[in-house]
Amino acid sequence: LSNMAGVGNDNVNLQPEANPDDPPPGIPHEAPPPYNPAFQGVRMGPVQYIRNLQPFKHGSDLLIFLQRFHSYCQSLRVPDDMLSSLLVAHLDDAALRGISRHLDQDMPFRELVDLLKKAEGYHANNTDKYIADMASRKRLKTEKIHDFFVDLSRLSEMAYPGQQNEQVRLANLRQDFMRNINHPLIAARLREHNEMTMDQLLDLAILLESCYEASKVPSYQVNNMSEDMDTDITDARVSSLANMVEKMAINQIEHKNQRSVEEQQYQYNG
């Protein structure tokens, strides 16, 4: 009986059989995230592929940060009741001080976003400032057209917030984009296409800029061509002078030889 029970037998394995669903040895078992209906059907990405979210800095683009924050939370399948706490944890000191006196521990996420937008200047009482900034925003000489459009579009969203002002925003964005693009030839071509949307107008502007830059001859090539032309002219003049000197020398030698022959004949006849 003792042999059947494995007592006194060192070769008998008393460990239970491994479950194929258990994680491999040495890898900690992670509990599944809480269920969130908002992310139903969304597959969670591998943690090693998820980029760490940098804190929001006061004065930077809040709308871009919120888009990145939403993608970050969606990748990790963060539950709704943790969104507000996670957003507060990703604010720098200056941004947190701006909302700290109105901050509530149980504040819903949507109210927290609206509060943060007001603290950063995204509200209707501050539209005049952004309208003026949008009108005075000029494209720099070394600035790409796409970068200029992105910044101008950001100002337009703050100058004309809300879906009710979308048509006004697009109309002013179109006019300011063509007026401040700092390229008269491209602006003139863009004004010919009133039927295009803003995305189509942007693609056309980038294409026109590429064609214009490709058609220009770089200045260093022009300088090299001028230097080559000057060198060729100088070489030609030197060669011409050398030929003239050579011919003069040959003529002088022939003339001297002829005089010597005439003198010898004169002495002989004399």
Protein backbone atom coordinates (compact mmCIF):
# COMPACT_ATOMS: atom_id res chain seq x y z
CA LEU A 1 0.00 0.00 0.00
CA SER A 2 2.84 2.35 0.79
CA ASN A 3 4.28 1.80 -2.69
CA MET A 4 0.88 2.45 -4.29
CA ALA A 5 0.49 5.69 -2.36
CA GLY A 6 3.98 6.80 -3.29
CA VAL A 7 5.27 6.90 0.27
CA GLY A 8 9.02 6.41 0.45
CA ASN A 9 9.35 6.60 -3.33
CA ASP A 10 11.44 9.59 -4.41
CA ASN A 11 10.59 9.19 -8.11
CA VAL A 12 6.89 9.87 -7.59
CA ASN A 13 5.83 13.44 -8.66
CA LEU A 14 3.29 14.77 -6.20
CA GLN A 15 2.85 18.11 -8.11
CA PRO A 16 -0.56 18.58 -9.75
CA GLU A 17 -0.71 18.49 -13.49
CA ALA A 18 -0.16 21.87 -15.20
CA ASN A 19 -3.17 23.61 -16.66
CA PRO A 20 -2.55 24.58 -20.32
CA ASP A 21 -4.43 27.87 -19.73
CA ASP A 22 -2.04 28.94 -16.94
CA PRO A 23 0.80 31.38 -17.81
CA PRO A 24 4.32 29.92 -18.19
CA PRO A 25 6.47 29.68 -15.04
CA GLY A 26 8.27 32.88 -14.13
CA ILE A 27 5.72 35.19 -15.83
CA PRO A 28 3.38 36.94 -13.38
CA HIS A 29 -0.29 36.48 -14.02
CA GLU A 30 -2.09 39.78 -14.70
CA ALA A 31 -5.71 40.19 -13.82
CA PRO A 32 -7.94 41.18 -16.74
CA PRO A 33 -8.92 44.87 -16.84
CA PRO A 34 -12.36 45.84 -15.59
CA TYR A 35 -15.15 45.62 -18.08
CA ASN A 36 -15.91 48.90 -19.84
CA PRO A 37 -18.85 49.00 -22.29
CA ALA A 38 -17.25 51.97 -24.10
CA PHE A 39 -14.39 49.72 -25.24
CA GLN A 40 -16.45 46.66 -26.10
CA GLY A 41 -14.94 44.93 -29.11
CA VAL A 42 -11.70 47.00 -28.89
CA ARG A 43 -8.64 44.80 -28.75
CA MET A 44 -6.02 45.87 -26.25
CA GLY A 45 -2.62 46.42 -27.84
CA PRO A 46 0.55 44.85 -26.46
CA VAL A 47 1.91 46.90 -23.60
CA GLN A 48 5.39 47.07 -25.14
CA TYR A 49 3.91 48.84 -28.19
CA ILE A 50 2.07 51.52 -26.21
CA ARG A 51 3.99 54.77 -25.95
CA ASN A 52 4.17 56.49 -22.58
CA LEU A 53 1.95 59.54 -22.47
CA GLN A 54 3.84 62.73 -21.72
CA PRO A 55 2.23 65.21 -19.27
CA PHE A 56 0.31 68.13 -20.69
CA LYS A 57 2.22 71.40 -20.43
CA HIS A 58 0.38 74.62 -19.75
CA GLY A 59 0.16 76.73 -22.91
CA SER A 60 0.64 73.86 -25.37
CA ASP A 61 -1.99 72.49 -27.77
CA LEU A 62 -4.72 71.01 -25.57
CA LEU A 63 -6.74 69.56 -28.44
CA ILE A 64 -3.80 67.53 -29.71
CA PHE A 65 -3.11 66.28 -26.20
CA LEU A 66 -6.73 65.18 -25.73
CA GLN A 67 -6.60 63.21 -28.97
CA ARG A 68 -3.44 61.47 -27.80
CA PHE A 69 -4.96 60.92 -24.36
CA HIS A 70 -8.06 59.30 -25.86
CA SER A 71 -5.93 56.95 -27.97
CA TYR A 72 -3.79 56.11 -24.95
CA CYS A 73 -6.81 55.24 -22.78
CA GLN A 74 -8.41 53.27 -25.56
CA SER A 75 -5.26 51.19 -26.03
CA LEU A 76 -5.16 50.35 -22.32
CA ARG A 77 -8.95 49.96 -22.05
CA VAL A 78 -9.12 52.34 -19.12
CA PRO A 79 -12.55 52.26 -17.42
CA ASP A 80 -14.66 55.41 -17.44
CA ASP A 81 -14.45 55.99 -13.71
CA MET A 82 -10.65 56.27 -13.95
CA LEU A 83 -10.44 58.72 -16.87
CA SER A 84 -10.65 61.84 -14.70
CA SER A 85 -7.97 60.64 -12.29
CA LEU A 86 -5.69 59.64 -15.16
CA LEU A 87 -6.12 63.01 -16.87
CA VAL A 88 -5.29 64.91 -13.67
CA ALA A 89 -2.20 62.74 -13.23
CA HIS A 90 -0.99 63.79 -16.69
CA LEU A 91 -1.11 67.57 -16.06
CA ASP A 92 1.96 69.59 -15.23
CA ASP A 93 2.08 71.90 -12.21
CA ALA A 94 1.02 75.05 -14.07
CA ALA A 95 -1.97 73.39 -15.74
CA LEU A 96 -3.04 71.74 -12.48
CA ARG A 97 -2.86 75.02 -10.57
CA GLY A 98 -5.19 76.58 -13.14
CA ILE A 99 -8.03 74.15 -12.31
CA SER A 100 -7.20 73.18 -8.72
CA ARG A 101 -9.66 75.57 -7.06
CA HIS A 102 -12.54 74.20 -9.16
CA LEU A 103 -11.41 70.59 -9.13
CA ASP A 104 -13.70 68.02 -7.53
CA GLN A 105 -12.64 64.50 -6.70
CA ASP A 106 -15.79 63.00 -8.21
CA MET A 107 -15.93 65.35 -11.22
CA PRO A 108 -17.02 63.57 -14.42
CA PHE A 109 -14.52 63.37 -17.21
CA ARG A 110 -16.48 65.60 -19.60
CA GLU A 111 -16.79 68.37 -17.01
CA LEU A 112 -13.07 68.08 -16.27
CA VAL A 113 -12.24 68.51 -19.95
CA ASP A 114 -14.49 71.58 -20.19
CA LEU A 115 -12.86 73.04 -17.09
CA LEU A 116 -9.41 72.44 -18.51
CA LYS A 117 -10.40 74.05 -21.82
CA LYS A 118 -11.61 77.17 -20.04
CA ALA A 119 -8.40 77.37 -18.01
CA GLU A 120 -6.33 77.10 -21.20
CA GLY A 121 -8.34 79.78 -23.03
CA TYR A 122 -10.66 77.58 -25.09
CA HIS A 123 -13.90 79.42 -24.33
CA ALA A 124 -16.26 81.82 -26.06
CA ASN A 125 -15.18 84.87 -24.05
CA ASN A 126 -11.68 84.69 -25.53
CA THR A 127 -12.53 84.33 -29.23
CA ASP A 128 -11.60 87.90 -30.17
CA LYS A 129 -7.99 87.29 -29.21
CA TYR A 130 -7.74 84.16 -31.34
CA ILE A 131 -9.51 85.85 -34.27
CA ALA A 132 -6.84 88.57 -34.18
CA ASP A 133 -4.07 85.97 -33.85
CA MET A 134 -5.49 84.05 -36.76
CA ALA A 135 -5.66 87.12 -39.01
CA SER A 136 -2.09 88.16 -38.17
CA ARG A 137 -0.57 84.67 -38.46
CA LYS A 138 1.86 84.88 -41.39
CA ARG A 139 3.69 81.98 -42.94
CA LEU A 140 7.42 82.15 -42.32
CA LYS A 141 9.86 81.90 -45.22
CA THR A 142 11.31 78.57 -44.07
CA GLU A 143 7.97 77.16 -42.83
CA LYS A 144 6.29 74.32 -44.67
CA ILE A 145 2.79 74.94 -45.99
CA HIS A 146 1.43 71.93 -44.08
CA ASP A 147 2.85 73.19 -40.76
CA PHE A 148 1.41 76.64 -41.41
CA PHE A 149 -2.01 75.17 -42.16
CA VAL A 150 -2.02 73.02 -39.00
CA ASP A 151 -1.24 75.98 -36.76
CA LEU A 152 -3.76 78.20 -38.55
CA SER A 153 -6.41 75.50 -38.21
CA ARG A 154 -5.69 75.26 -34.47
CA LEU A 155 -6.25 79.01 -34.10
CA SER A 156 -9.49 78.78 -36.08
CA GLU A 157 -10.87 76.12 -33.74
CA MET A 158 -10.24 78.43 -30.78
CA ALA A 159 -11.52 81.50 -32.62
CA TYR A 160 -14.76 79.84 -33.75
CA PRO A 161 -15.53 77.05 -31.25
CA GLY A 162 -18.55 74.80 -31.50
CA GLN A 163 -20.26 72.96 -34.30
CA GLN A 164 -22.61 75.89 -34.87
CA ASN A 165 -19.65 78.03 -36.04
CA GLU A 166 -18.14 75.40 -38.33
CA GLN A 167 -19.10 77.07 -41.62
CA VAL A 168 -17.83 80.45 -40.42
CA ARG A 169 -14.61 78.83 -39.23
CA LEU A 170 -13.95 77.15 -42.57
CA ALA A 171 -14.70 80.34 -44.52
CA ASN A 172 -12.30 82.43 -42.43
CA LEU A 173 -9.71 79.66 -42.43
CA ARG A 174 -9.82 79.59 -46.22
CA GLN A 175 -9.38 83.34 -46.57
CA ASP A 176 -6.60 83.63 -44.00
CA PHE A 177 -4.79 80.64 -45.48
CA MET A 178 -4.67 82.15 -48.96
CA ARG A 179 -3.95 85.68 -47.73
CA ASN A 180 -1.13 84.77 -45.31
CA ILE A 181 0.53 81.96 -47.25
CA ASN A 182 3.29 84.43 -48.17
CA HIS A 183 3.48 83.30 -51.81
CA PRO A 184 1.55 85.46 -54.32
CA LEU A 185 1.78 82.97 -57.19
CA ILE A 186 0.41 80.07 -55.13
CA ALA A 187 -2.29 82.28 -53.59
CA ALA A 188 -3.44 83.39 -57.03
CA ARG A 189 -3.74 79.80 -58.22
CA LEU A 190 -5.65 78.79 -55.09
CA ARG A 191 -8.22 81.52 -55.58
CA GLU A 192 -9.17 79.94 -58.92
CA HIS A 193 -10.65 76.88 -57.16
CA ASN A 194 -13.61 77.98 -55.06
CA GLU A 195 -15.20 74.54 -55.35
CA MET A 196 -12.40 72.77 -53.46
CA THR A 197 -12.56 71.78 -49.82
CA MET A 198 -9.86 72.84 -47.38
CA ASP A 199 -8.11 69.46 -47.60
CA GLN A 200 -8.07 69.64 -51.39
CA LEU A 201 -6.86 73.23 -51.24
CA LEU A 202 -4.04 72.22 -48.93
CA ASP A 203 -2.95 69.38 -51.24
CA LEU A 204 -2.97 71.76 -54.21
CA ALA A 205 -0.89 74.34 -52.34
CA ILE A 206 1.71 71.73 -51.40
CA LEU A 207 1.83 70.49 -55.01
CA LEU A 208 2.25 74.02 -56.38
CA GLU A 209 5.04 74.75 -53.92
CA SER A 210 6.86 71.56 -54.95
CA CYS A 211 6.53 72.43 -58.64
CA TYR A 212 7.73 75.99 -58.02
CA GLU A 213 10.77 74.84 -56.05
CA ALA A 214 11.64 72.22 -58.68
CA SER A 215 11.51 74.78 -61.49
CA LYS A 216 13.96 77.14 -59.81
CA VAL A 217 17.70 76.91 -60.58
CA PRO A 218 19.69 76.93 -57.34
CA SER A 219 21.80 80.04 -56.84
CA TYR A 220 25.03 78.09 -56.49
CA GLN A 221 24.47 76.56 -59.92
CA VAL A 222 23.90 80.01 -61.42
CA ASN A 223 27.13 81.26 -59.82
CA ASN A 224 29.03 78.24 -61.10
CA MET A 225 27.66 78.83 -64.60
CA SER A 226 28.78 82.46 -64.48
CA GLU A 227 32.22 81.49 -63.24
CA ASP A 228 32.54 78.88 -65.98
CA MET A 229 31.52 81.43 -68.61
CA ASP A 230 34.05 83.97 -67.31
CA THR A 231 36.76 81.31 -67.29
CA ASP A 232 35.97 80.28 -70.86
CA ILE A 233 36.10 83.90 -72.06
CA THR A 234 39.44 84.47 -70.30
CA ASP A 235 40.93 81.29 -71.74
CA ALA A 236 39.83 82.28 -75.23
CA ARG A 237 41.40 85.72 -74.92
CA VAL A 238 44.67 84.27 -73.61
CA SER A 239 44.78 81.76 -76.47
CA SER A 240 44.15 84.52 -79.00
CA LEU A 241 46.93 86.69 -77.57
CA ALA A 242 49.31 83.73 -77.56
CA ASN A 243 48.56 83.06 -81.22
CA MET A 244 49.16 86.70 -82.09
CA VAL A 245 52.51 86.74 -80.27
CA GLU A 246 53.53 83.54 -81.98
CA LYS A 247 52.68 84.91 -85.40
CA MET A 248 54.57 88.14 -84.67
CA ALA A 249 57.61 86.18 -83.60
CA ILE A 250 57.48 84.02 -86.73
CA ASN A 251 57.11 87.08 -88.99
CA GLN A 252 60.02 88.81 -87.26
CA ILE A 253 62.25 85.75 -87.68
CA GLU A 254 61.33 85.45 -91.39
CA HIS A 255 61.95 89.18 -91.91
CA LYS A 256 65.37 88.93 -90.22
CA ASN A 257 66.35 85.93 -92.33
CA GLN A 258 65.32 87.75 -95.51
CA ARG A 259 67.48 90.79 -94.61
CA SER A 260 70.47 88.53 -93.97
CA VAL A 261 70.10 86.97 -97.43
CA GLU A 262 69.84 90.39 -99.10
CA GLU A 263 72.97 91.67 -97.33
CA GLN A 264 74.94 88.62 -98.40
CA GLN A 265 73.87 89.10 -102.05
CA TYR A 266 74.82 92.78 -101.90
CA GLN A 267 78.29 92.02 -100.58
CA TYR A 268 78.78 89.33 -103.22
CA ASN A 269 77.76 91.64 -106.07
CA GLY A 270 79.94 94.40 -104.68
